[in-house]
Amino acid sequence: MMNSLLPPNATRLERALEAGGARIVDLHAPTDIDDPMSCPVEVLPWLAWGLSVDSWDADWSDEDKRAAVAGSIDLHRRKGTRMSVETVLARFDQLAGLVEWHEAAPRRAPHTFEVIVPMVTNGVARGGRRASAAFADAIIREVARVKPLREHMRLVQKIEVAGAIGLQGVIRAFSYTRTDAEMTIDSSPSWAGFLQTEDGEPIEDGSTGTFLDTMP
């Protein structure tokens, strides 16, 4: 019989609660579920929730899931900084770049920045995963989670065209490389005069279907 700490006049309910609580010591308490590197894969989503992981995708590899959980605390410490945005971009594409307004030539509007994603794979093929709308939407969504609130982002999917001329002797061209490119004229209206969301999207009047402008 176990040693009881209850007084002699304890009720039957109190003694039953004591007996039930004493069985807790016999339960197995895993000590590795709070470690993202050793936590069972099926428990990782719960550990991610407990550590406030902002972004989670069930299709990620186990390594990516563990890395997201392991880096959550550090990411929250750096949230709202350039480094936090660059960390997110590196997870999507190592070629993605960040240009802030004061780094552009000419300078852009203050508190804006561009995320530049090259539309080139292996230096040759255009399009592919980087050209998909889902890829662009995912970048916008994840960057919006960590960027400074006052900053406005613009996503640029960029195609670079390069040509070269080789010279033989003094001025005679003996070879050249020509790269074909397609130019598309942007015929969309300027949104500068319309009210916009944080992501730069125009705000639509739900009753009339028109966009709200800033003019009185």
N, C-alpha and C. Protein backbone atom coordinates (compact mmCIF):
# COMPACT_ATOMS: atom_id res chain seq x y z
N MET A 1 0.85 -1.19 0.00
CA MET A 1 0.00 0.00 0.00
C MET A 1 0.88 1.24 0.00
N MET A 2 0.53 2.22 -0.82
CA MET A 2 1.36 3.42 -0.93
C MET A 2 1.21 4.27 0.31
N ASN A 3 2.24 5.12 0.52
CA ASN A 3 2.18 6.06 1.62
C ASN A 3 1.28 7.22 1.24
N SER A 4 0.35 7.55 2.11
CA SER A 4 -0.62 8.61 1.83
C SER A 4 -0.27 9.86 2.62
N LEU A 5 -0.46 10.99 1.99
CA LEU A 5 -0.27 12.28 2.65
C LEU A 5 -1.59 12.88 3.11
N LEU A 6 -2.67 12.16 2.85
CA LEU A 6 -3.97 12.67 3.25
C LEU A 6 -4.21 12.46 4.74
N PRO A 7 -4.98 13.32 5.35
CA PRO A 7 -5.30 13.15 6.78
C PRO A 7 -6.24 11.98 6.99
N PRO A 8 -6.34 11.49 8.22
CA PRO A 8 -7.21 10.33 8.50
C PRO A 8 -8.67 10.57 8.14
N ASN A 9 -9.11 11.83 8.17
CA ASN A 9 -10.52 12.10 7.88
C ASN A 9 -10.76 12.44 6.41
N ALA A 10 -9.85 12.05 5.53
CA ALA A 10 -10.01 12.32 4.10
C ALA A 10 -11.23 11.58 3.56
N THR A 11 -11.91 12.20 2.60
CA THR A 11 -13.10 11.58 2.02
C THR A 11 -12.70 10.51 1.00
N ARG A 12 -13.68 9.72 0.59
CA ARG A 12 -13.43 8.68 -0.40
C ARG A 12 -13.01 9.29 -1.74
N LEU A 13 -13.60 10.45 -2.08
CA LEU A 13 -13.23 11.11 -3.33
C LEU A 13 -11.77 11.56 -3.29
N GLU A 14 -11.35 12.12 -2.19
CA GLU A 14 -9.96 12.57 -2.08
C GLU A 14 -8.98 11.40 -2.19
N ARG A 15 -9.34 10.28 -1.57
CA ARG A 15 -8.46 9.11 -1.63
C ARG A 15 -8.43 8.52 -3.05
N ALA A 16 -9.57 8.58 -3.74
CA ALA A 16 -9.61 8.09 -5.12
C ALA A 16 -8.75 8.96 -6.04
N LEU A 17 -8.81 10.27 -5.84
CA LEU A 17 -7.98 11.18 -6.63
C LEU A 17 -6.51 10.95 -6.36
N GLU A 18 -6.17 10.68 -5.10
CA GLU A 18 -4.78 10.42 -4.76
C GLU A 18 -4.29 9.13 -5.43
N ALA A 19 -5.13 8.12 -5.42
CA ALA A 19 -4.74 6.85 -6.02
C ALA A 19 -4.59 6.98 -7.53
N GLY A 20 -5.50 7.75 -8.15
CA GLY A 20 -5.39 7.94 -9.59
C GLY A 20 -4.16 8.75 -9.97
N GLY A 21 -3.84 9.77 -9.18
CA GLY A 21 -2.67 10.58 -9.46
C GLY A 21 -1.37 9.82 -9.27
N ALA A 22 -1.36 8.86 -8.39
CA ALA A 22 -0.14 8.09 -8.14
C ALA A 22 0.26 7.25 -9.34
N ARG A 23 -0.69 6.95 -10.21
CA ARG A 23 -0.39 6.13 -11.38
C ARG A 23 0.31 6.92 -12.47
N ILE A 24 0.36 8.24 -12.34
CA ILE A 24 1.00 9.06 -13.37
C ILE A 24 2.48 8.72 -13.49
N VAL A 25 3.10 8.37 -12.37
CA VAL A 25 4.54 8.09 -12.39
C VAL A 25 4.86 6.87 -13.24
N ASP A 26 3.87 6.03 -13.49
CA ASP A 26 4.10 4.83 -14.29
C ASP A 26 3.96 5.08 -15.79
N LEU A 27 3.49 6.28 -16.16
CA LEU A 27 3.31 6.59 -17.57
C LEU A 27 4.64 6.97 -18.20
N HIS A 28 4.81 6.55 -19.46
CA HIS A 28 6.03 6.89 -20.19
C HIS A 28 5.98 8.34 -20.65
N ALA A 29 6.97 9.10 -20.30
CA ALA A 29 7.04 10.51 -20.69
C ALA A 29 8.22 10.69 -21.63
N PRO A 30 7.99 10.72 -22.94
CA PRO A 30 9.10 10.89 -23.89
C PRO A 30 9.77 12.24 -23.71
N THR A 31 11.07 12.23 -23.75
CA THR A 31 11.84 13.47 -23.55
C THR A 31 12.38 14.05 -24.84
N ASP A 32 12.07 13.41 -25.98
CA ASP A 32 12.63 13.88 -27.24
C ASP A 32 11.63 14.63 -28.11
N ILE A 33 10.39 14.79 -27.65
CA ILE A 33 9.38 15.42 -28.50
C ILE A 33 9.55 16.94 -28.58
N ASP A 34 10.34 17.53 -27.70
CA ASP A 34 10.56 18.96 -27.77
C ASP A 34 11.86 19.31 -28.49
N ASP A 35 12.50 18.32 -29.07
CA ASP A 35 13.71 18.53 -29.85
C ASP A 35 13.37 18.34 -31.33
N PRO A 36 13.44 19.40 -32.15
CA PRO A 36 13.04 19.27 -33.56
C PRO A 36 13.87 18.26 -34.34
N MET A 37 15.08 17.96 -33.89
CA MET A 37 15.93 17.03 -34.61
C MET A 37 15.62 15.57 -34.30
N SER A 38 15.03 15.31 -33.13
CA SER A 38 14.73 13.94 -32.74
C SER A 38 13.23 13.68 -32.57
N CYS A 39 12.42 14.71 -32.69
CA CYS A 39 10.98 14.56 -32.54
C CYS A 39 10.42 13.67 -33.65
N PRO A 40 9.51 12.74 -33.33
CA PRO A 40 8.88 11.93 -34.37
C PRO A 40 8.20 12.81 -35.42
N VAL A 41 8.27 12.38 -36.66
CA VAL A 41 7.74 13.20 -37.76
C VAL A 41 6.26 13.51 -37.57
N GLU A 42 5.50 12.53 -37.07
CA GLU A 42 4.07 12.75 -36.92
C GLU A 42 3.73 13.77 -35.83
N VAL A 43 4.69 14.07 -34.97
CA VAL A 43 4.45 15.03 -33.88
C VAL A 43 5.00 16.42 -34.24
N LEU A 44 5.79 16.50 -35.30
CA LEU A 44 6.41 17.77 -35.68
C LEU A 44 5.40 18.92 -35.87
N PRO A 45 4.23 18.69 -36.50
CA PRO A 45 3.29 19.82 -36.65
C PRO A 45 2.86 20.41 -35.31
N TRP A 46 2.73 19.58 -34.29
CA TRP A 46 2.34 20.09 -32.97
C TRP A 46 3.48 20.86 -32.33
N LEU A 47 4.70 20.39 -32.52
CA LEU A 47 5.85 21.13 -32.00
C LEU A 47 5.98 22.46 -32.73
N ALA A 48 5.71 22.45 -34.04
CA ALA A 48 5.76 23.70 -34.81
C ALA A 48 4.71 24.69 -34.31
N TRP A 49 3.53 24.20 -34.00
CA TRP A 49 2.48 25.06 -33.46
C TRP A 49 2.90 25.64 -32.11
N GLY A 50 3.50 24.81 -31.28
CA GLY A 50 3.93 25.26 -29.96
C GLY A 50 5.02 26.31 -30.02
N LEU A 51 5.84 26.29 -31.08
CA LEU A 51 6.93 27.26 -31.23
C LEU A 51 6.56 28.38 -32.19
N SER A 52 5.27 28.49 -32.54
CA SER A 52 4.76 29.59 -33.37
C SER A 52 5.44 29.66 -34.73
N VAL A 53 5.59 28.51 -35.38
CA VAL A 53 6.10 28.51 -36.75
C VAL A 53 5.03 29.12 -37.65
N ASP A 54 5.36 30.23 -38.33
CA ASP A 54 4.37 30.96 -39.11
C ASP A 54 3.98 30.24 -40.39
N SER A 55 4.93 29.56 -40.99
CA SER A 55 4.69 28.93 -42.29
C SER A 55 4.92 27.43 -42.19
N TRP A 56 3.96 26.66 -42.71
CA TRP A 56 4.07 25.20 -42.63
C TRP A 56 3.42 24.59 -43.86
N ASP A 57 4.10 23.63 -44.45
CA ASP A 57 3.58 22.95 -45.64
C ASP A 57 3.77 21.45 -45.44
N ALA A 58 2.66 20.72 -45.50
CA ALA A 58 2.72 19.28 -45.29
C ALA A 58 3.55 18.58 -46.36
N ASP A 59 3.75 19.23 -47.51
CA ASP A 59 4.52 18.62 -48.60
C ASP A 59 6.03 18.84 -48.45
N TRP A 60 6.45 19.60 -47.47
CA TRP A 60 7.89 19.78 -47.24
C TRP A 60 8.54 18.45 -46.91
N SER A 61 9.82 18.37 -47.17
CA SER A 61 10.58 17.19 -46.74
C SER A 61 10.75 17.23 -45.23
N ASP A 62 11.08 16.08 -44.64
CA ASP A 62 11.29 16.03 -43.20
C ASP A 62 12.41 16.98 -42.77
N GLU A 63 13.44 17.09 -43.60
CA GLU A 63 14.56 17.99 -43.26
C GLU A 63 14.10 19.44 -43.22
N ASP A 64 13.26 19.84 -44.19
CA ASP A 64 12.77 21.22 -44.21
C ASP A 64 11.85 21.50 -43.02
N LYS A 65 11.03 20.52 -42.66
CA LYS A 65 10.14 20.70 -41.51
C LYS A 65 10.94 20.88 -40.23
N ARG A 66 11.94 20.04 -40.04
CA ARG A 66 12.76 20.14 -38.82
C ARG A 66 13.54 21.46 -38.80
N ALA A 67 14.01 21.89 -39.96
CA ALA A 67 14.74 23.16 -40.02
C ALA A 67 13.83 24.33 -39.70
N ALA A 68 12.58 24.28 -40.18
CA ALA A 68 11.64 25.36 -39.89
C ALA A 68 11.34 25.46 -38.40
N VAL A 69 11.17 24.31 -37.76
CA VAL A 69 10.90 24.30 -36.31
C VAL A 69 12.14 24.77 -35.54
N ALA A 70 13.29 24.26 -35.93
CA ALA A 70 14.52 24.61 -35.21
C ALA A 70 14.84 26.10 -35.33
N GLY A 71 14.49 26.71 -36.45
CA GLY A 71 14.82 28.12 -36.65
C GLY A 71 13.72 29.09 -36.28
N SER A 72 12.62 28.59 -35.71
CA SER A 72 11.48 29.46 -35.44
C SER A 72 11.81 30.56 -34.43
N ILE A 73 12.43 30.20 -33.32
CA ILE A 73 12.73 31.20 -32.28
C ILE A 73 13.67 32.27 -32.82
N ASP A 74 14.70 31.84 -33.53
CA ASP A 74 15.66 32.80 -34.09
C ASP A 74 14.99 33.70 -35.13
N LEU A 75 14.06 33.13 -35.91
CA LEU A 75 13.37 33.93 -36.92
C LEU A 75 12.49 34.98 -36.27
N HIS A 76 11.82 34.63 -35.18
CA HIS A 76 10.99 35.60 -34.47
C HIS A 76 11.83 36.72 -33.87
N ARG A 77 13.03 36.41 -33.47
CA ARG A 77 13.92 37.45 -32.94
C ARG A 77 14.30 38.46 -34.02
N ARG A 78 14.39 37.99 -35.26
CA ARG A 78 14.83 38.86 -36.35
C ARG A 78 13.69 39.32 -37.24
N LYS A 79 12.46 39.06 -36.84
CA LYS A 79 11.31 39.43 -37.64
C LYS A 79 11.28 40.96 -37.85
N GLY A 80 10.93 41.37 -39.06
CA GLY A 80 10.90 42.79 -39.34
C GLY A 80 12.23 43.35 -39.78
N THR A 81 13.20 42.50 -40.09
CA THR A 81 14.51 42.95 -40.55
C THR A 81 14.77 42.43 -41.96
N ARG A 82 15.78 43.00 -42.60
CA ARG A 82 16.16 42.54 -43.93
C ARG A 82 16.62 41.08 -43.88
N MET A 83 17.33 40.72 -42.83
CA MET A 83 17.84 39.36 -42.73
C MET A 83 16.70 38.34 -42.71
N SER A 84 15.60 38.67 -42.05
CA SER A 84 14.48 37.74 -41.99
C SER A 84 13.88 37.53 -43.38
N VAL A 85 13.82 38.60 -44.19
CA VAL A 85 13.31 38.47 -45.56
C VAL A 85 14.26 37.63 -46.40
N GLU A 86 15.57 37.88 -46.27
CA GLU A 86 16.55 37.12 -47.04
C GLU A 86 16.54 35.64 -46.65
N THR A 87 16.28 35.35 -45.38
CA THR A 87 16.19 33.96 -44.94
C THR A 87 15.03 33.24 -45.63
N VAL A 88 13.89 33.92 -45.72
CA VAL A 88 12.73 33.34 -46.39
C VAL A 88 13.01 33.14 -47.88
N LEU A 89 13.63 34.12 -48.52
CA LEU A 89 13.92 34.00 -49.95
C LEU A 89 14.88 32.85 -50.23
N ALA A 90 15.86 32.66 -49.36
CA ALA A 90 16.82 31.58 -49.56
C ALA A 90 16.14 30.22 -49.51
N ARG A 91 15.07 30.12 -48.73
CA ARG A 91 14.34 28.85 -48.66
C ARG A 91 13.62 28.56 -49.97
N PHE A 92 13.20 29.61 -50.67
CA PHE A 92 12.51 29.42 -51.94
C PHE A 92 13.47 29.24 -53.10
N ASP A 93 14.47 30.12 -53.19
CA ASP A 93 15.33 30.13 -54.37
C ASP A 93 16.63 30.83 -54.00
N GLN A 94 17.75 30.15 -54.21
CA GLN A 94 19.05 30.73 -53.89
C GLN A 94 19.39 31.90 -54.81
N LEU A 95 18.72 32.01 -55.95
CA LEU A 95 19.01 33.09 -56.89
C LEU A 95 18.15 34.33 -56.65
N ALA A 96 17.16 34.23 -55.78
CA ALA A 96 16.29 35.38 -55.50
C ALA A 96 17.09 36.47 -54.78
N GLY A 97 16.85 37.71 -55.18
CA GLY A 97 17.58 38.83 -54.59
C GLY A 97 16.65 39.88 -54.02
N LEU A 98 17.20 40.76 -53.19
CA LEU A 98 16.44 41.81 -52.52
C LEU A 98 17.11 43.15 -52.79
N VAL A 99 16.34 44.11 -53.28
CA VAL A 99 16.85 45.46 -53.55
C VAL A 99 15.95 46.46 -52.83
N GLU A 100 16.51 47.17 -51.86
CA GLU A 100 15.75 48.18 -51.14
C GLU A 100 15.72 49.48 -51.92
N TRP A 101 14.79 50.35 -51.54
CA TRP A 101 14.54 51.58 -52.31
C TRP A 101 15.78 52.45 -52.45
N HIS A 102 16.61 52.51 -51.41
CA HIS A 102 17.79 53.37 -51.47
C HIS A 102 18.94 52.72 -52.23
N GLU A 103 18.81 51.43 -52.58
CA GLU A 103 19.84 50.74 -53.34
C GLU A 103 19.57 50.77 -54.84
N ALA A 104 18.34 51.12 -55.22
CA ALA A 104 17.96 51.12 -56.63
C ALA A 104 18.52 52.36 -57.32
N ALA A 105 18.70 52.28 -58.62
CA ALA A 105 19.17 53.41 -59.42
C ALA A 105 18.22 53.60 -60.60
N PRO A 106 17.41 54.67 -60.61
CA PRO A 106 17.33 55.71 -59.58
C PRO A 106 16.61 55.21 -58.34
N ARG A 107 16.72 56.00 -57.27
CA ARG A 107 16.07 55.61 -56.02
C ARG A 107 14.55 55.55 -56.20
N ARG A 108 13.95 54.61 -55.47
CA ARG A 108 12.51 54.45 -55.53
C ARG A 108 11.86 55.13 -54.33
N ALA A 109 10.55 54.96 -54.21
CA ALA A 109 9.84 55.56 -53.09
C ALA A 109 10.36 54.98 -51.78
N PRO A 110 10.49 55.81 -50.75
CA PRO A 110 10.98 55.31 -49.45
C PRO A 110 10.10 54.19 -48.91
N HIS A 111 10.76 53.30 -48.17
CA HIS A 111 10.08 52.19 -47.50
C HIS A 111 9.45 51.21 -48.50
N THR A 112 10.12 51.02 -49.61
CA THR A 112 9.71 50.01 -50.58
C THR A 112 10.92 49.14 -50.91
N PHE A 113 10.67 47.96 -51.40
CA PHE A 113 11.76 47.09 -51.83
C PHE A 113 11.25 46.13 -52.90
N GLU A 114 12.18 45.60 -53.66
CA GLU A 114 11.86 44.64 -54.71
C GLU A 114 12.47 43.29 -54.39
N VAL A 115 11.71 42.26 -54.64
CA VAL A 115 12.22 40.89 -54.62
C VAL A 115 12.36 40.46 -56.07
N ILE A 116 13.59 40.19 -56.49
CA ILE A 116 13.87 39.87 -57.89
C ILE A 116 14.14 38.37 -58.03
N VAL A 117 13.33 37.72 -58.84
CA VAL A 117 13.47 36.28 -59.09
C VAL A 117 13.83 36.09 -60.56
N PRO A 118 15.02 35.63 -60.89
CA PRO A 118 15.39 35.41 -62.29
C PRO A 118 14.59 34.27 -62.89
N MET A 119 14.13 34.47 -64.12
CA MET A 119 13.33 33.45 -64.80
C MET A 119 14.21 32.53 -65.63
N VAL A 120 15.37 32.19 -65.13
CA VAL A 120 16.32 31.37 -65.86
C VAL A 120 16.71 30.19 -65.01
N THR A 121 16.73 29.01 -65.59
CA THR A 121 17.14 27.80 -64.90
C THR A 121 18.39 27.24 -65.57
N ASN A 122 19.43 27.04 -64.80
CA ASN A 122 20.71 26.54 -65.32
C ASN A 122 21.29 27.44 -66.41
N GLY A 123 20.93 28.72 -66.34
CA GLY A 123 21.49 29.67 -67.27
C GLY A 123 20.90 29.63 -68.67
N VAL A 124 19.96 28.72 -68.94
CA VAL A 124 19.45 28.59 -70.31
C VAL A 124 17.93 28.62 -70.34
N ALA A 125 17.31 27.64 -69.74
CA ALA A 125 15.86 27.46 -69.90
C ALA A 125 15.09 28.55 -69.18
N ARG A 126 14.08 29.08 -69.86
CA ARG A 126 13.23 30.09 -69.25
C ARG A 126 12.00 29.43 -68.64
N GLY A 127 11.39 30.15 -67.70
CA GLY A 127 10.15 29.68 -67.13
C GLY A 127 10.34 28.60 -66.10
N GLY A 128 9.53 27.54 -66.20
CA GLY A 128 9.59 26.48 -65.21
C GLY A 128 8.93 26.88 -63.91
N ARG A 129 9.45 26.34 -62.83
CA ARG A 129 8.85 26.59 -61.51
C ARG A 129 8.83 28.07 -61.16
N ARG A 130 9.88 28.79 -61.50
CA ARG A 130 9.95 30.21 -61.15
C ARG A 130 8.89 31.04 -61.87
N ALA A 131 8.39 30.55 -62.99
CA ALA A 131 7.42 31.31 -63.78
C ALA A 131 5.99 31.05 -63.34
N SER A 132 5.76 30.14 -62.43
CA SER A 132 4.40 29.78 -62.05
C SER A 132 3.81 30.82 -61.10
N ALA A 133 2.50 31.00 -61.21
CA ALA A 133 1.80 31.93 -60.33
C ALA A 133 1.82 31.44 -58.89
N ALA A 134 1.77 30.13 -58.70
CA ALA A 134 1.79 29.58 -57.34
C ALA A 134 3.10 29.90 -56.64
N PHE A 135 4.20 29.84 -57.39
CA PHE A 135 5.52 30.15 -56.82
C PHE A 135 5.58 31.61 -56.40
N ALA A 136 5.08 32.50 -57.26
CA ALA A 136 5.08 33.93 -56.94
C ALA A 136 4.18 34.22 -55.75
N ASP A 137 3.00 33.60 -55.71
CA ASP A 137 2.08 33.82 -54.59
C ASP A 137 2.69 33.35 -53.28
N ALA A 138 3.40 32.23 -53.31
CA ALA A 138 4.01 31.71 -52.09
C ALA A 138 5.08 32.66 -51.57
N ILE A 139 5.89 33.23 -52.47
CA ILE A 139 6.91 34.18 -52.04
C ILE A 139 6.28 35.41 -51.42
N ILE A 140 5.26 35.96 -52.08
CA ILE A 140 4.58 37.15 -51.55
C ILE A 140 3.99 36.87 -50.17
N ARG A 141 3.36 35.73 -50.03
CA ARG A 141 2.72 35.38 -48.76
C ARG A 141 3.74 35.24 -47.63
N GLU A 142 4.84 34.55 -47.90
CA GLU A 142 5.81 34.29 -46.85
C GLU A 142 6.64 35.53 -46.50
N VAL A 143 6.96 36.34 -47.51
CA VAL A 143 7.70 37.57 -47.22
C VAL A 143 6.84 38.53 -46.42
N ALA A 144 5.53 38.58 -46.71
CA ALA A 144 4.64 39.46 -45.97
C ALA A 144 4.59 39.11 -44.48
N ARG A 145 4.88 37.86 -44.14
CA ARG A 145 4.85 37.45 -42.74
C ARG A 145 6.02 38.03 -41.94
N VAL A 146 7.15 38.27 -42.59
CA VAL A 146 8.36 38.63 -41.85
C VAL A 146 8.88 40.03 -42.16
N LYS A 147 8.39 40.67 -43.19
CA LYS A 147 8.91 41.99 -43.56
C LYS A 147 8.47 43.04 -42.55
N PRO A 148 9.19 44.20 -42.49
CA PRO A 148 8.72 45.31 -41.65
C PRO A 148 7.34 45.77 -42.10
N LEU A 149 6.48 46.13 -41.16
CA LEU A 149 5.11 46.48 -41.50
C LEU A 149 5.03 47.72 -42.39
N ARG A 150 5.98 48.63 -42.25
CA ARG A 150 5.91 49.86 -43.04
C ARG A 150 6.42 49.67 -44.46
N GLU A 151 7.08 48.55 -44.72
CA GLU A 151 7.68 48.33 -46.04
C GLU A 151 6.66 47.73 -47.01
N HIS A 152 6.75 48.16 -48.26
CA HIS A 152 5.87 47.64 -49.32
C HIS A 152 6.74 46.90 -50.34
N MET A 153 6.28 45.73 -50.71
CA MET A 153 7.08 44.85 -51.55
C MET A 153 6.57 44.84 -52.98
N ARG A 154 7.51 44.68 -53.90
CA ARG A 154 7.19 44.47 -55.32
C ARG A 154 7.97 43.25 -55.79
N LEU A 155 7.27 42.28 -56.35
CA LEU A 155 7.92 41.07 -56.86
C LEU A 155 8.22 41.24 -58.34
N VAL A 156 9.47 41.02 -58.72
CA VAL A 156 9.89 41.15 -60.12
C VAL A 156 10.41 39.80 -60.60
N GLN A 157 9.76 39.25 -61.61
CA GLN A 157 10.23 38.02 -62.26
C GLN A 157 10.98 38.46 -63.51
N LYS A 158 12.28 38.27 -63.52
CA LYS A 158 13.17 38.94 -64.47
C LYS A 158 13.77 37.97 -65.48
N ILE A 159 13.80 38.42 -66.74
CA ILE A 159 14.48 37.69 -67.81
C ILE A 159 15.64 38.55 -68.29
N GLU A 160 16.84 38.03 -68.23
CA GLU A 160 18.01 38.75 -68.69
C GLU A 160 18.46 38.20 -70.04
N VAL A 161 18.77 39.09 -70.95
CA VAL A 161 19.25 38.71 -72.28
C VAL A 161 20.69 39.19 -72.43
N ALA A 162 21.57 38.30 -72.85
CA ALA A 162 22.99 38.66 -72.97
C ALA A 162 23.49 38.28 -74.35
N GLY A 163 24.37 39.11 -74.91
CA GLY A 163 24.99 38.83 -76.19
C GLY A 163 26.49 39.08 -76.09
N ALA A 164 27.27 38.46 -76.94
CA ALA A 164 28.72 38.65 -76.88
C ALA A 164 29.30 38.62 -78.28
N ILE A 165 30.36 39.40 -78.51
CA ILE A 165 31.07 39.44 -79.78
C ILE A 165 32.54 39.17 -79.51
N GLY A 166 33.10 38.20 -80.23
CA GLY A 166 34.52 37.93 -80.10
C GLY A 166 35.29 38.58 -81.24
N LEU A 167 36.49 39.03 -80.99
CA LEU A 167 37.29 39.74 -81.99
C LEU A 167 38.54 38.94 -82.35
N GLN A 168 38.86 38.94 -83.64
CA GLN A 168 40.08 38.29 -84.13
C GLN A 168 40.90 39.35 -84.85
N GLY A 169 42.17 39.39 -84.53
CA GLY A 169 42.98 40.45 -85.10
C GLY A 169 42.67 41.76 -84.40
N VAL A 170 42.28 42.76 -85.18
CA VAL A 170 42.05 44.08 -84.60
C VAL A 170 40.57 44.36 -84.44
N ILE A 171 39.81 44.33 -85.56
CA ILE A 171 38.41 44.71 -85.47
C ILE A 171 37.49 43.70 -86.15
N ARG A 172 37.99 42.60 -86.61
CA ARG A 172 37.15 41.66 -87.35
C ARG A 172 36.41 40.75 -86.37
N ALA A 173 35.09 40.71 -86.48
CA ALA A 173 34.29 39.85 -85.62
C ALA A 173 34.26 38.45 -86.22
N PHE A 174 34.64 37.47 -85.43
CA PHE A 174 34.65 36.10 -85.95
C PHE A 174 33.54 35.24 -85.37
N SER A 175 32.90 35.68 -84.33
CA SER A 175 31.77 34.91 -83.79
C SER A 175 30.88 35.84 -82.99
N TYR A 176 29.66 35.42 -82.89
CA TYR A 176 28.74 36.18 -82.04
C TYR A 176 27.67 35.24 -81.52
N THR A 177 27.06 35.65 -80.45
CA THR A 177 25.97 34.87 -79.85
C THR A 177 24.73 35.75 -79.81
N ARG A 178 23.66 35.21 -80.30
CA ARG A 178 22.40 35.95 -80.32
C ARG A 178 21.37 35.21 -79.47
N THR A 179 20.73 35.94 -78.59
CA THR A 179 19.71 35.35 -77.72
C THR A 179 18.38 36.00 -78.04
N ASP A 180 17.40 35.18 -78.39
CA ASP A 180 16.07 35.70 -78.68
C ASP A 180 15.33 35.99 -77.39
N ALA A 181 14.57 37.06 -77.41
CA ALA A 181 13.77 37.41 -76.24
C ALA A 181 12.45 38.01 -76.71
N GLU A 182 11.45 37.82 -75.92
CA GLU A 182 10.14 38.38 -76.22
C GLU A 182 9.89 39.57 -75.30
N MET A 183 9.36 40.65 -75.88
CA MET A 183 9.06 41.84 -75.10
C MET A 183 7.55 42.01 -75.02
N THR A 184 7.06 42.17 -73.82
CA THR A 184 5.63 42.36 -73.62
C THR A 184 5.39 43.75 -73.05
N ILE A 185 4.51 44.50 -73.67
CA ILE A 185 4.20 45.85 -73.19
C ILE A 185 3.12 45.75 -72.12
N ASP A 186 3.40 46.32 -70.97
CA ASP A 186 2.44 46.30 -69.86
C ASP A 186 1.36 47.33 -70.13
N SER A 187 0.15 46.85 -70.42
CA SER A 187 -0.97 47.75 -70.72
C SER A 187 -1.90 47.93 -69.52
N SER A 188 -1.51 47.40 -68.37
CA SER A 188 -2.36 47.53 -67.19
C SER A 188 -2.35 48.98 -66.70
N PRO A 189 -3.45 49.44 -66.10
CA PRO A 189 -3.51 50.84 -65.64
C PRO A 189 -2.59 51.08 -64.46
N SER A 190 -2.25 52.36 -64.26
CA SER A 190 -1.44 52.73 -63.10
C SER A 190 -2.32 52.74 -61.86
N TRP A 191 -1.84 52.11 -60.81
CA TRP A 191 -2.63 52.01 -59.57
C TRP A 191 -2.26 53.11 -58.57
N ALA A 192 -1.46 54.08 -59.01
CA ALA A 192 -0.99 55.10 -58.07
C ALA A 192 -2.13 55.91 -57.48
N GLY A 193 -3.22 56.07 -58.24
CA GLY A 193 -4.33 56.88 -57.76
C GLY A 193 -5.39 56.10 -57.03
N PHE A 194 -5.16 54.83 -56.74
CA PHE A 194 -6.16 54.01 -56.08
C PHE A 194 -5.69 53.60 -54.69
N LEU A 195 -6.65 53.39 -53.80
CA LEU A 195 -6.31 52.85 -52.48
C LEU A 195 -5.81 51.42 -52.65
N GLN A 196 -4.78 51.06 -51.88
CA GLN A 196 -4.16 49.75 -52.05
C GLN A 196 -4.01 49.05 -50.71
N THR A 197 -3.95 47.71 -50.77
CA THR A 197 -3.68 46.92 -49.58
C THR A 197 -2.20 46.97 -49.27
N GLU A 198 -1.81 46.30 -48.19
CA GLU A 198 -0.40 46.27 -47.80
C GLU A 198 0.46 45.62 -48.87
N ASP A 199 -0.11 44.68 -49.63
CA ASP A 199 0.64 44.00 -50.68
C ASP A 199 0.62 44.76 -52.00
N GLY A 200 0.01 45.98 -52.02
CA GLY A 200 -0.01 46.77 -53.23
C GLY A 200 -1.15 46.46 -54.18
N GLU A 201 -2.15 45.69 -53.71
CA GLU A 201 -3.29 45.36 -54.55
C GLU A 201 -4.37 46.44 -54.39
N PRO A 202 -5.04 46.88 -55.50
CA PRO A 202 -6.09 47.89 -55.39
C PRO A 202 -7.29 47.34 -54.62
N ILE A 203 -7.94 48.23 -53.86
CA ILE A 203 -9.09 47.84 -53.04
C ILE A 203 -10.36 48.05 -53.87
N GLU A 204 -11.18 47.00 -53.94
CA GLU A 204 -12.39 47.04 -54.76
C GLU A 204 -13.62 47.27 -53.90
N ASP A 205 -14.55 48.10 -54.39
CA ASP A 205 -15.82 48.32 -53.72
C ASP A 205 -16.71 47.10 -53.97
N GLY A 206 -17.07 46.39 -52.90
CA GLY A 206 -17.83 45.16 -53.06
C GLY A 206 -19.22 45.38 -53.63
N SER A 207 -19.80 46.57 -53.46
CA SER A 207 -21.16 46.80 -53.94
C SER A 207 -21.21 47.23 -55.40
N THR A 208 -20.19 47.95 -55.86
CA THR A 208 -20.20 48.45 -57.23
C THR A 208 -19.22 47.74 -58.15
N GLY A 209 -18.22 47.06 -57.56
CA GLY A 209 -17.22 46.38 -58.38
C GLY A 209 -16.15 47.30 -58.93
N THR A 210 -16.15 48.57 -58.50
CA THR A 210 -15.12 49.52 -58.96
C THR A 210 -14.03 49.63 -57.91
N PHE A 211 -12.86 50.14 -58.35
CA PHE A 211 -11.75 50.32 -57.43
C PHE A 211 -11.86 51.68 -56.73
N LEU A 212 -11.47 51.70 -55.46
CA LEU A 212 -11.55 52.93 -54.66
C LEU A 212 -10.33 53.78 -54.95
N ASP A 213 -10.58 55.04 -55.35
CA ASP A 213 -9.44 55.93 -55.62
C ASP A 213 -9.22 56.86 -54.45
N THR A 214 -8.09 57.56 -54.49
CA THR A 214 -7.72 58.46 -53.39
C THR A 214 -8.19 59.88 -53.63
N MET A 215 -8.80 60.15 -54.79
CA MET A 215 -9.25 61.50 -55.09
C MET A 215 -10.58 61.77 -54.40
N PRO A 216 -10.82 63.00 -53.90
CA PRO A 216 -12.10 63.31 -53.24
C PRO A 216 -13.25 63.30 -54.24
